[in-house]
Amino acid sequence: MLLNFDRLGWWKLVLIGITLMTTAFLLLPILFIAALSFGSSQWLIFPPPGWTLKWYQELLADPRWLESAWTSFQIAILVTVFSVLLGLVTSFGLTRGRFMFREALKALFLTPMILPVVVLAVALYAFFLQIGLNGTLTGFVISHLVLALPFSILSITSALEGFDKSIEDAAVLCGASPLEAKIRVTLPAISHGIFSAAIFSFLTSWDEVVVAIFMSSPTRQTLPVKIWATLRQDLTPVVAAASTLLILLTVLLMVLVAIVRKGLKS
């Protein structure tokens, strides 16, 4: 007999309690930092003695914060484009290809997800320092691409594995070239995987802080690095305001992913 939630008895209350505690554990820090961003105190004090929008005004009026946000946005967009393109080609090769060590190659591409980020950051820093890419836009994009590419490969590979290739073959039999069949038949069918790859690549780059710290220079910092550097110097609520906006964008993109994926699948 299948497990029925309604027949669990008092265990049902235990599971509900664990679920609520887990949800609170995940959400309370976010709500806490959001509340601090509206506090009237010039320090990070909870509960806030009053409420104000002053810190958001200071954030948006400071060119250093805006420049860091623009740098993060530029890097994230470039990483998203390259990650999706490389992930798409790689996924086709891993899914459709028949060659030796294919599974080993797939595992190799996913290594950045397993390797400690700080180890990867130190390795990239040492290498880029030798070739003069440290602190450059190119260096940021390449280092973030290393972290984002596994998410693209996973998303697109999963979509390709769920796609019936006989539909693509039927398009070829009807007169389409193999490339045309992939563009007009396969790509629309796996668009939900491509969209997920784009969003996760963007968020991986947008939120990255460890690698970004090693890649940063005095003239080029991403928004997470700017938050970290400011937090080490001054406990100003402007940091909370910047963090809240960072979290808000991430949540909005995740909601967009859920809506679009549901629409594409239906």
C-alpha atoms as a PDB file:
ATOM      1  CA  MET A   1       0.000   0.000   0.000  1.00  0.00           C
ATOM      2  CA  LEU A   2       1.256   3.419  -0.932  1.00  0.00           C
ATOM      3  CA  LEU A   3       2.114   5.805   1.866  1.00  0.00           C
ATOM      4  CA  ASN A   4      -0.802   8.158   2.472  1.00  0.00           C
ATOM      5  CA  PHE A   5      -0.088  11.466   4.167  1.00  0.00           C
ATOM      6  CA  ASP A   6      -3.534  11.574   5.781  1.00  0.00           C
ATOM      7  CA  ARG A   7      -2.899   8.199   7.481  1.00  0.00           C
ATOM      8  CA  LEU A   8       0.365   9.173   9.127  1.00  0.00           C
ATOM      9  CA  GLY A   9      -1.360  10.158  12.359  1.00  0.00           C
ATOM     10  CA  TRP A  10       0.790  12.211  14.721  1.00  0.00           C
ATOM     11  CA  TRP A  11       3.733  11.801  12.326  1.00  0.00           C
ATOM     12  CA  LYS A  12       1.913  14.201  10.042  1.00  0.00           C
ATOM     13  CA  LEU A  13       2.271  16.949  12.642  1.00  0.00           C
ATOM     14  CA  VAL A  14       5.972  16.153  13.019  1.00  0.00           C
ATOM     15  CA  LEU A  15       6.534  16.456   9.263  1.00  0.00           C
ATOM     16  CA  ILE A  16       4.586  19.722   9.113  1.00  0.00           C
ATOM     17  CA  GLY A  17       6.623  21.074  12.031  1.00  0.00           C
ATOM     18  CA  ILE A  18       9.926  20.112  10.376  1.00  0.00           C
ATOM     19  CA  THR A  19       8.788  21.702   7.121  1.00  0.00           C
ATOM     20  CA  LEU A  20       7.838  24.949   8.863  1.00  0.00           C
ATOM     21  CA  MET A  21      11.128  25.087  10.791  1.00  0.00           C
ATOM     22  CA  THR A  22      13.132  24.455   7.613  1.00  0.00           C
ATOM     23  CA  THR A  23      11.196  27.180   5.786  1.00  0.00           C
ATOM     24  CA  ALA A  24      11.775  29.622   8.637  1.00  0.00           C
ATOM     25  CA  PHE A  25      15.480  28.723   8.744  1.00  0.00           C
ATOM     26  CA  LEU A  26      15.791  29.601   5.050  1.00  0.00           C
ATOM     27  CA  LEU A  27      13.574  32.690   4.952  1.00  0.00           C
ATOM     28  CA  LEU A  28      14.304  34.460   8.249  1.00  0.00           C
ATOM     29  CA  PRO A  29      17.825  35.643   7.296  1.00  0.00           C
ATOM     30  CA  ILE A  30      16.404  37.134   4.084  1.00  0.00           C
ATOM     31  CA  LEU A  31      13.577  38.883   5.940  1.00  0.00           C
ATOM     32  CA  PHE A  32      16.069  40.011   8.584  1.00  0.00           C
ATOM     33  CA  ILE A  33      18.403  41.717   6.092  1.00  0.00           C
ATOM     34  CA  ALA A  34      15.428  43.249   4.255  1.00  0.00           C
ATOM     35  CA  ALA A  35      14.138  44.758   7.503  1.00  0.00           C
ATOM     36  CA  LEU A  36      17.578  46.192   8.289  1.00  0.00           C
ATOM     37  CA  SER A  37      17.657  47.934   4.904  1.00  0.00           C
ATOM     38  CA  PHE A  38      14.614  50.009   5.925  1.00  0.00           C
ATOM     39  CA  GLY A  39      15.898  50.805   9.448  1.00  0.00           C
ATOM     40  CA  SER A  40      16.441  54.428  10.423  1.00  0.00           C
ATOM     41  CA  SER A  41      19.618  53.701  12.415  1.00  0.00           C
ATOM     42  CA  GLN A  42      22.965  54.363  10.734  1.00  0.00           C
ATOM     43  CA  TRP A  43      24.135  50.980  12.017  1.00  0.00           C
ATOM     44  CA  LEU A  44      22.818  47.471  11.441  1.00  0.00           C
ATOM     45  CA  ILE A  45      20.543  47.302  14.494  1.00  0.00           C
ATOM     46  CA  PHE A  46      17.608  44.925  14.905  1.00  0.00           C
ATOM     47  CA  PRO A  47      14.841  45.652  15.542  1.00  0.00           C
ATOM     48  CA  PRO A  48      15.133  48.990  13.692  1.00  0.00           C
ATOM     49  CA  PRO A  49      14.180  52.026  15.815  1.00  0.00           C
ATOM     50  CA  GLY A  50      12.305  53.475  12.832  1.00  0.00           C
ATOM     51  CA  TRP A  51      11.719  53.071   9.128  1.00  0.00           C
ATOM     52  CA  THR A  52      13.167  54.988   6.197  1.00  0.00           C
ATOM     53  CA  LEU A  53      14.103  54.758   2.511  1.00  0.00           C
ATOM     54  CA  LYS A  54      17.252  56.798   3.063  1.00  0.00           C
ATOM     55  CA  TRP A  55      19.664  53.913   2.486  1.00  0.00           C
ATOM     56  CA  TYR A  56      18.136  53.046  -0.877  1.00  0.00           C
ATOM     57  CA  GLN A  57      18.462  56.696  -1.890  1.00  0.00           C
ATOM     58  CA  GLU A  58      22.122  56.704  -0.852  1.00  0.00           C
ATOM     59  CA  LEU A  59      22.710  53.461  -2.708  1.00  0.00           C
ATOM     60  CA  LEU A  60      21.207  54.715  -5.966  1.00  0.00           C
ATOM     61  CA  ALA A  61      22.971  58.083  -5.656  1.00  0.00           C
ATOM     62  CA  ASP A  62      26.454  56.608  -5.150  1.00  0.00           C
ATOM     63  CA  PRO A  63      28.253  56.138  -8.510  1.00  0.00           C
ATOM     64  CA  ARG A  64      30.562  53.515  -6.986  1.00  0.00           C
ATOM     65  CA  TRP A  65      27.633  51.222  -6.208  1.00  0.00           C
ATOM     66  CA  LEU A  66      26.061  51.827  -9.613  1.00  0.00           C
ATOM     67  CA  GLU A  67      29.355  51.110 -11.357  1.00  0.00           C
ATOM     68  CA  SER A  68      29.725  47.829  -9.465  1.00  0.00           C
ATOM     69  CA  ALA A  69      26.160  46.841 -10.350  1.00  0.00           C
ATOM     70  CA  TRP A  70      26.775  47.704 -14.019  1.00  0.00           C
ATOM     71  CA  THR A  71      29.987  45.643 -13.992  1.00  0.00           C
ATOM     72  CA  SER A  72      28.119  42.666 -12.536  1.00  0.00           C
ATOM     73  CA  PHE A  73      25.374  43.035 -15.139  1.00  0.00           C
ATOM     74  CA  GLN A  74      27.837  43.214 -18.042  1.00  0.00           C
ATOM     75  CA  ILE A  75      29.719  40.143 -16.855  1.00  0.00           C
ATOM     76  CA  ALA A  76      26.526  38.181 -16.184  1.00  0.00           C
ATOM     77  CA  ILE A  77      25.099  38.918 -19.647  1.00  0.00           C
ATOM     78  CA  LEU A  78      28.311  37.889 -21.423  1.00  0.00           C
ATOM     79  CA  VAL A  79      28.622  34.767 -19.280  1.00  0.00           C
ATOM     80  CA  THR A  80      25.001  33.857 -20.033  1.00  0.00           C
ATOM     81  CA  VAL A  81      25.473  34.135 -23.801  1.00  0.00           C
ATOM     82  CA  PHE A  82      28.716  32.140 -23.900  1.00  0.00           C
ATOM     83  CA  SER A  83      27.472  29.588 -21.385  1.00  0.00           C
ATOM     84  CA  VAL A  84      24.308  28.817 -23.349  1.00  0.00           C
ATOM     85  CA  LEU A  85      26.134  28.610 -26.703  1.00  0.00           C
ATOM     86  CA  LEU A  86      28.943  26.409 -25.389  1.00  0.00           C
ATOM     87  CA  GLY A  87      26.525  24.379 -23.273  1.00  0.00           C
ATOM     88  CA  LEU A  88      24.274  23.764 -26.275  1.00  0.00           C
ATOM     89  CA  VAL A  89      27.108  22.495 -28.470  1.00  0.00           C
ATOM     90  CA  THR A  90      28.588  20.421 -25.656  1.00  0.00           C
ATOM     91  CA  SER A  91      25.211  18.911 -24.746  1.00  0.00           C
ATOM     92  CA  PHE A  92      24.597  17.810 -28.335  1.00  0.00           C
ATOM     93  CA  GLY A  93      28.007  16.156 -28.362  1.00  0.00           C
ATOM     94  CA  LEU A  94      27.501  14.417 -25.026  1.00  0.00           C
ATOM     95  CA  THR A  95      23.956  13.311 -25.844  1.00  0.00           C
ATOM     96  CA  ARG A  96      24.228  12.354 -29.508  1.00  0.00           C
ATOM     97  CA  GLY A  97      27.915  11.457 -29.736  1.00  0.00           C
ATOM     98  CA  ARG A  98      29.191   7.920 -29.527  1.00  0.00           C
ATOM     99  CA  PHE A  99      32.840   7.957 -28.519  1.00  0.00           C
ATOM    100  CA  MET A 100      35.161   6.596 -25.869  1.00  0.00           C
ATOM    101  CA  PHE A 101      35.268   8.173 -22.427  1.00  0.00           C
ATOM    102  CA  ARG A 102      32.043  10.092 -23.028  1.00  0.00           C
ATOM    103  CA  GLU A 103      30.880   9.614 -19.442  1.00  0.00           C
ATOM    104  CA  ALA A 104      34.290  10.611 -18.133  1.00  0.00           C
ATOM    105  CA  LEU A 105      34.159  13.779 -20.237  1.00  0.00           C
ATOM    106  CA  LYS A 106      30.687  14.551 -18.917  1.00  0.00           C
ATOM    107  CA  ALA A 107      31.965  14.176 -15.354  1.00  0.00           C
ATOM    108  CA  LEU A 108      34.914  16.450 -16.194  1.00  0.00           C
ATOM    109  CA  PHE A 109      32.585  19.214 -17.348  1.00  0.00           C
ATOM    110  CA  LEU A 110      30.727  19.009 -14.031  1.00  0.00           C
ATOM    111  CA  THR A 111      33.922  19.202 -11.933  1.00  0.00           C
ATOM    112  CA  PRO A 112      33.509  22.936 -11.108  1.00  0.00           C
ATOM    113  CA  MET A 113      30.283  22.068  -9.272  1.00  0.00           C
ATOM    114  CA  ILE A 114      32.150  19.644  -6.997  1.00  0.00           C
ATOM    115  CA  LEU A 115      35.499  21.360  -6.587  1.00  0.00           C
ATOM    116  CA  PRO A 116      35.648  23.856  -3.681  1.00  0.00           C
ATOM    117  CA  VAL A 117      35.184  27.325  -5.139  1.00  0.00           C
ATOM    118  CA  VAL A 118      38.107  28.802  -3.228  1.00  0.00           C
ATOM    119  CA  VAL A 119      40.468  26.190  -4.729  1.00  0.00           C
ATOM    120  CA  LEU A 120      39.230  27.043  -8.209  1.00  0.00           C
ATOM    121  CA  ALA A 121      39.531  30.763  -7.442  1.00  0.00           C
ATOM    122  CA  VAL A 122      43.166  30.446  -6.319  1.00  0.00           C
ATOM    123  CA  ALA A 123      44.047  28.412  -9.420  1.00  0.00           C
ATOM    124  CA  LEU A 124      42.386  30.911 -11.765  1.00  0.00           C
ATOM    125  CA  TYR A 125      43.989  33.838  -9.945  1.00  0.00           C
ATOM    126  CA  ALA A 126      47.478  32.368 -10.248  1.00  0.00           C
ATOM    127  CA  PHE A 127      46.993  31.547 -13.923  1.00  0.00           C
ATOM    128  CA  PHE A 128      45.388  34.858 -14.911  1.00  0.00           C
ATOM    129  CA  LEU A 129      48.048  36.783 -13.019  1.00  0.00           C
ATOM    130  CA  GLN A 130      50.676  35.210 -15.275  1.00  0.00           C
ATOM    131  CA  ILE A 131      48.868  36.068 -18.534  1.00  0.00           C
ATOM    132  CA  GLY A 132      47.635  39.519 -17.484  1.00  0.00           C
ATOM    133  CA  LEU A 133      43.900  38.802 -17.326  1.00  0.00           C
ATOM    134  CA  ASN A 134      43.416  39.423 -13.613  1.00  0.00           C
ATOM    135  CA  GLY A 135      41.156  42.430 -13.002  1.00  0.00           C
ATOM    136  CA  THR A 136      39.965  42.557 -16.630  1.00  0.00           C
ATOM    137  CA  LEU A 137      36.500  42.051 -18.065  1.00  0.00           C
ATOM    138  CA  THR A 138      37.777  39.072 -20.052  1.00  0.00           C
ATOM    139  CA  GLY A 139      39.188  37.484 -16.917  1.00  0.00           C
ATOM    140  CA  PHE A 140      35.909  37.937 -15.066  1.00  0.00           C
ATOM    141  CA  VAL A 141      33.897  36.428 -17.920  1.00  0.00           C
ATOM    142  CA  ILE A 142      36.161  33.393 -18.333  1.00  0.00           C
ATOM    143  CA  SER A 143      36.326  32.667 -14.597  1.00  0.00           C
ATOM    144  CA  HIS A 144      32.568  33.001 -14.162  1.00  0.00           C
ATOM    145  CA  LEU A 145      31.997  30.948 -17.306  1.00  0.00           C
ATOM    146  CA  VAL A 146      33.895  28.052 -15.721  1.00  0.00           C
ATOM    147  CA  LEU A 147      31.332  28.081 -12.893  1.00  0.00           C
ATOM    148  CA  ALA A 148      28.241  28.653 -15.052  1.00  0.00           C
ATOM    149  CA  LEU A 149      28.910  26.177 -17.866  1.00  0.00           C
ATOM    150  CA  PRO A 150      28.073  23.020 -15.825  1.00  0.00           C
ATOM    151  CA  PHE A 151      24.582  24.391 -15.137  1.00  0.00           C
ATOM    152  CA  SER A 152      24.016  24.952 -18.862  1.00  0.00           C
ATOM    153  CA  ILE A 153      25.236  21.469 -19.708  1.00  0.00           C
ATOM    154  CA  LEU A 154      23.009  19.864 -17.081  1.00  0.00           C
ATOM    155  CA  SER A 155      19.884  21.798 -18.119  1.00  0.00           C
ATOM    156  CA  ILE A 156      20.279  21.364 -21.868  1.00  0.00           C
ATOM    157  CA  THR A 157      21.437  17.737 -21.645  1.00  0.00           C
ATOM    158  CA  SER A 158      18.389  16.892 -19.532  1.00  0.00           C
ATOM    159  CA  ALA A 159      16.103  18.524 -22.114  1.00  0.00           C
ATOM    160  CA  LEU A 160      17.811  16.710 -24.995  1.00  0.00           C
ATOM    161  CA  GLU A 161      17.553  13.341 -23.273  1.00  0.00           C
ATOM    162  CA  GLY A 162      13.813  13.896 -22.887  1.00  0.00           C
ATOM    163  CA  PHE A 163      13.398  14.813 -26.565  1.00  0.00           C
ATOM    164  CA  ASP A 164      12.339  12.149 -29.073  1.00  0.00           C
ATOM    165  CA  LYS A 165      15.006  12.260 -31.782  1.00  0.00           C
ATOM    166  CA  SER A 166      12.718  10.459 -34.222  1.00  0.00           C
ATOM    167  CA  ILE A 167      10.833  13.762 -34.626  1.00  0.00           C
ATOM    168  CA  GLU A 168      14.036  15.405 -35.817  1.00  0.00           C
ATOM    169  CA  ASP A 169      14.703  12.426 -38.116  1.00  0.00           C
ATOM    170  CA  ALA A 170      11.196  12.756 -39.550  1.00  0.00           C
ATOM    171  CA  ALA A 171      11.886  16.394 -40.406  1.00  0.00           C
ATOM    172  CA  VAL A 172      15.036  15.306 -42.291  1.00  0.00           C
ATOM    173  CA  LEU A 173      13.031  12.680 -44.198  1.00  0.00           C
ATOM    174  CA  CYS A 174      10.557  15.403 -45.155  1.00  0.00           C
ATOM    175  CA  GLY A 175      13.318  17.369 -46.868  1.00  0.00           C
ATOM    176  CA  ALA A 176      14.922  19.484 -44.162  1.00  0.00           C
ATOM    177  CA  SER A 177      18.683  19.522 -43.786  1.00  0.00           C
ATOM    178  CA  PRO A 178      20.104  18.162 -40.504  1.00  0.00           C
ATOM    179  CA  LEU A 179      20.991  21.702 -39.387  1.00  0.00           C
ATOM    180  CA  GLU A 180      17.556  23.050 -40.355  1.00  0.00           C
ATOM    181  CA  ALA A 181      15.860  20.203 -38.487  1.00  0.00           C
ATOM    182  CA  LYS A 182      17.830  21.017 -35.350  1.00  0.00           C
ATOM    183  CA  ILE A 183      17.037  24.735 -35.606  1.00  0.00           C
ATOM    184  CA  ARG A 184      13.341  24.455 -36.486  1.00  0.00           C
ATOM    185  CA  VAL A 185      12.396  21.278 -34.601  1.00  0.00           C
ATOM    186  CA  THR A 186      14.861  20.393 -31.848  1.00  0.00           C
ATOM    187  CA  LEU A 187      15.697  23.821 -30.457  1.00  0.00           C
ATOM    188  CA  PRO A 188      12.031  24.865 -29.938  1.00  0.00           C
ATOM    189  CA  ALA A 189      11.362  21.517 -28.262  1.00  0.00           C
ATOM    190  CA  ILE A 190      14.224  21.970 -25.769  1.00  0.00           C
ATOM    191  CA  SER A 191      13.686  25.712 -25.294  1.00  0.00           C
ATOM    192  CA  HIS A 192      12.741  25.188 -21.638  1.00  0.00           C
ATOM    193  CA  GLY A 193      16.175  23.666 -21.009  1.00  0.00           C
ATOM    194  CA  ILE A 194      17.911  26.498 -22.862  1.00  0.00           C
ATOM    195  CA  PHE A 195      15.941  29.085 -20.907  1.00  0.00           C
ATOM    196  CA  SER A 196      16.817  27.406 -17.605  1.00  0.00           C
ATOM    197  CA  ALA A 197      20.475  27.297 -18.641  1.00  0.00           C
ATOM    198  CA  ALA A 198      20.406  31.033 -19.379  1.00  0.00           C
ATOM    199  CA  ILE A 199      18.808  31.953 -16.059  1.00  0.00           C
ATOM    200  CA  PHE A 200      21.066  29.749 -13.942  1.00  0.00           C
ATOM    201  CA  SER A 201      24.146  30.989 -15.803  1.00  0.00           C
ATOM    202  CA  PHE A 202      23.121  34.584 -15.191  1.00  0.00           C
ATOM    203  CA  LEU A 203      22.481  33.987 -11.488  1.00  0.00           C
ATOM    204  CA  THR A 204      25.731  32.039 -11.061  1.00  0.00           C
ATOM    205  CA  SER A 205      27.687  35.009 -12.377  1.00  0.00           C
ATOM    206  CA  TRP A 206      25.522  37.685 -10.761  1.00  0.00           C
ATOM    207  CA  ASP A 207      25.805  36.213  -7.252  1.00  0.00           C
ATOM    208  CA  GLU A 208      29.400  34.963  -7.402  1.00  0.00           C
ATOM    209  CA  VAL A 209      31.664  36.440  -4.741  1.00  0.00           C
ATOM    210  CA  VAL A 210      34.593  34.080  -4.008  1.00  0.00           C
ATOM    211  CA  VAL A 211      36.044  33.951  -7.522  1.00  0.00           C
ATOM    212  CA  ALA A 212      35.117  37.611  -8.041  1.00  0.00           C
ATOM    213  CA  ILE A 213      37.192  38.647  -5.007  1.00  0.00           C
ATOM    214  CA  PHE A 214      40.295  37.079  -6.558  1.00  0.00           C
ATOM    215  CA  MET A 215      39.531  38.548  -9.987  1.00  0.00           C
ATOM    216  CA  SER A 216      38.805  42.084  -8.730  1.00  0.00           C
ATOM    217  CA  SER A 217      41.063  45.091  -9.041  1.00  0.00           C
ATOM    218  CA  PRO A 218      40.858  48.583  -7.480  1.00  0.00           C
ATOM    219  CA  THR A 219      39.146  49.832 -10.657  1.00  0.00           C
ATOM    220  CA  ARG A 220      36.830  46.881 -11.345  1.00  0.00           C
ATOM    221  CA  GLN A 221      34.574  45.248  -8.753  1.00  0.00           C
ATOM    222  CA  THR A 222      31.336  43.340  -9.018  1.00  0.00           C
ATOM    223  CA  LEU A 223      28.362  44.137  -6.784  1.00  0.00           C
ATOM    224  CA  PRO A 224      28.868  41.155  -4.406  1.00  0.00           C
ATOM    225  CA  VAL A 225      32.530  42.132  -3.990  1.00  0.00           C
ATOM    226  CA  LYS A 226      31.517  45.733  -3.319  1.00  0.00           C
ATOM    227  CA  ILE A 227      29.087  44.511  -0.641  1.00  0.00           C
ATOM    228  CA  TRP A 228      31.790  42.357   0.955  1.00  0.00           C
ATOM    229  CA  ALA A 229      34.395  45.115   0.910  1.00  0.00           C
ATOM    230  CA  THR A 230      31.991  47.686   2.373  1.00  0.00           C
ATOM    231  CA  LEU A 231      30.832  45.271   5.072  1.00  0.00           C
ATOM    232  CA  ARG A 232      34.431  44.769   6.236  1.00  0.00           C
ATOM    233  CA  GLN A 233      34.920  48.531   6.591  1.00  0.00           C
ATOM    234  CA  ASP A 234      31.573  49.829   7.792  1.00  0.00           C
ATOM    235  CA  LEU A 235      28.337  48.244   9.040  1.00  0.00           C
ATOM    236  CA  THR A 236      26.170  50.698   7.107  1.00  0.00           C
ATOM    237  CA  PRO A 237      22.562  49.805   6.193  1.00  0.00           C
ATOM    238  CA  VAL A 238      23.457  50.646   2.574  1.00  0.00           C
ATOM    239  CA  VAL A 239      24.954  47.142   2.488  1.00  0.00           C
ATOM    240  CA  ALA A 240      21.604  45.734   3.591  1.00  0.00           C
ATOM    241  CA  ALA A 241      19.836  47.748   0.875  1.00  0.00           C
ATOM    242  CA  ALA A 242      22.209  46.444  -1.806  1.00  0.00           C
ATOM    243  CA  SER A 243      21.823  42.881  -0.506  1.00  0.00           C
ATOM    244  CA  THR A 244      18.037  43.179  -0.541  1.00  0.00           C
ATOM    245  CA  LEU A 245      18.025  44.335  -4.162  1.00  0.00           C
ATOM    246  CA  LEU A 246      20.395  41.494  -5.046  1.00  0.00           C
ATOM    247  CA  ILE A 247      18.086  38.957  -3.391  1.00  0.00           C
ATOM    248  CA  LEU A 248      15.003  40.535  -4.986  1.00  0.00           C
ATOM    249  CA  LEU A 249      16.427  40.174  -8.486  1.00  0.00           C
ATOM    250  CA  THR A 250      17.352  36.557  -7.815  1.00  0.00           C
ATOM    251  CA  VAL A 251      13.863  35.736  -6.528  1.00  0.00           C
ATOM    252  CA  LEU A 252      12.193  37.469  -9.487  1.00  0.00           C
ATOM    253  CA  LEU A 253      14.314  35.513 -11.960  1.00  0.00           C
ATOM    254  CA  MET A 254      13.549  32.218 -10.222  1.00  0.00           C
ATOM    255  CA  VAL A 255       9.817  32.978 -10.328  1.00  0.00           C
ATOM    256  CA  LEU A 256      10.192  33.848 -14.021  1.00  0.00           C
ATOM    257  CA  VAL A 257      11.918  30.505 -14.615  1.00  0.00           C
ATOM    258  CA  ALA A 258       9.051  28.619 -12.982  1.00  0.00           C
ATOM    259  CA  ILE A 259       6.414  30.503 -14.995  1.00  0.00           C
ATOM    260  CA  VAL A 260       8.189  30.200 -18.347  1.00  0.00           C
ATOM    261  CA  ARG A 261       9.091  26.513 -17.881  1.00  0.00           C
ATOM    262  CA  LYS A 262       5.481  25.731 -17.042  1.00  0.00           C
ATOM    263  CA  GLY A 263       4.284  27.617 -20.102  1.00  0.00           C
ATOM    264  CA  LEU A 264       6.824  26.017 -22.447  1.00  0.00           C
ATOM    265  CA  LYS A 265       6.079  22.490 -21.230  1.00  0.00           C
ATOM    266  CA  SER A 266       2.323  22.973 -21.598  1.00  0.00           C
END
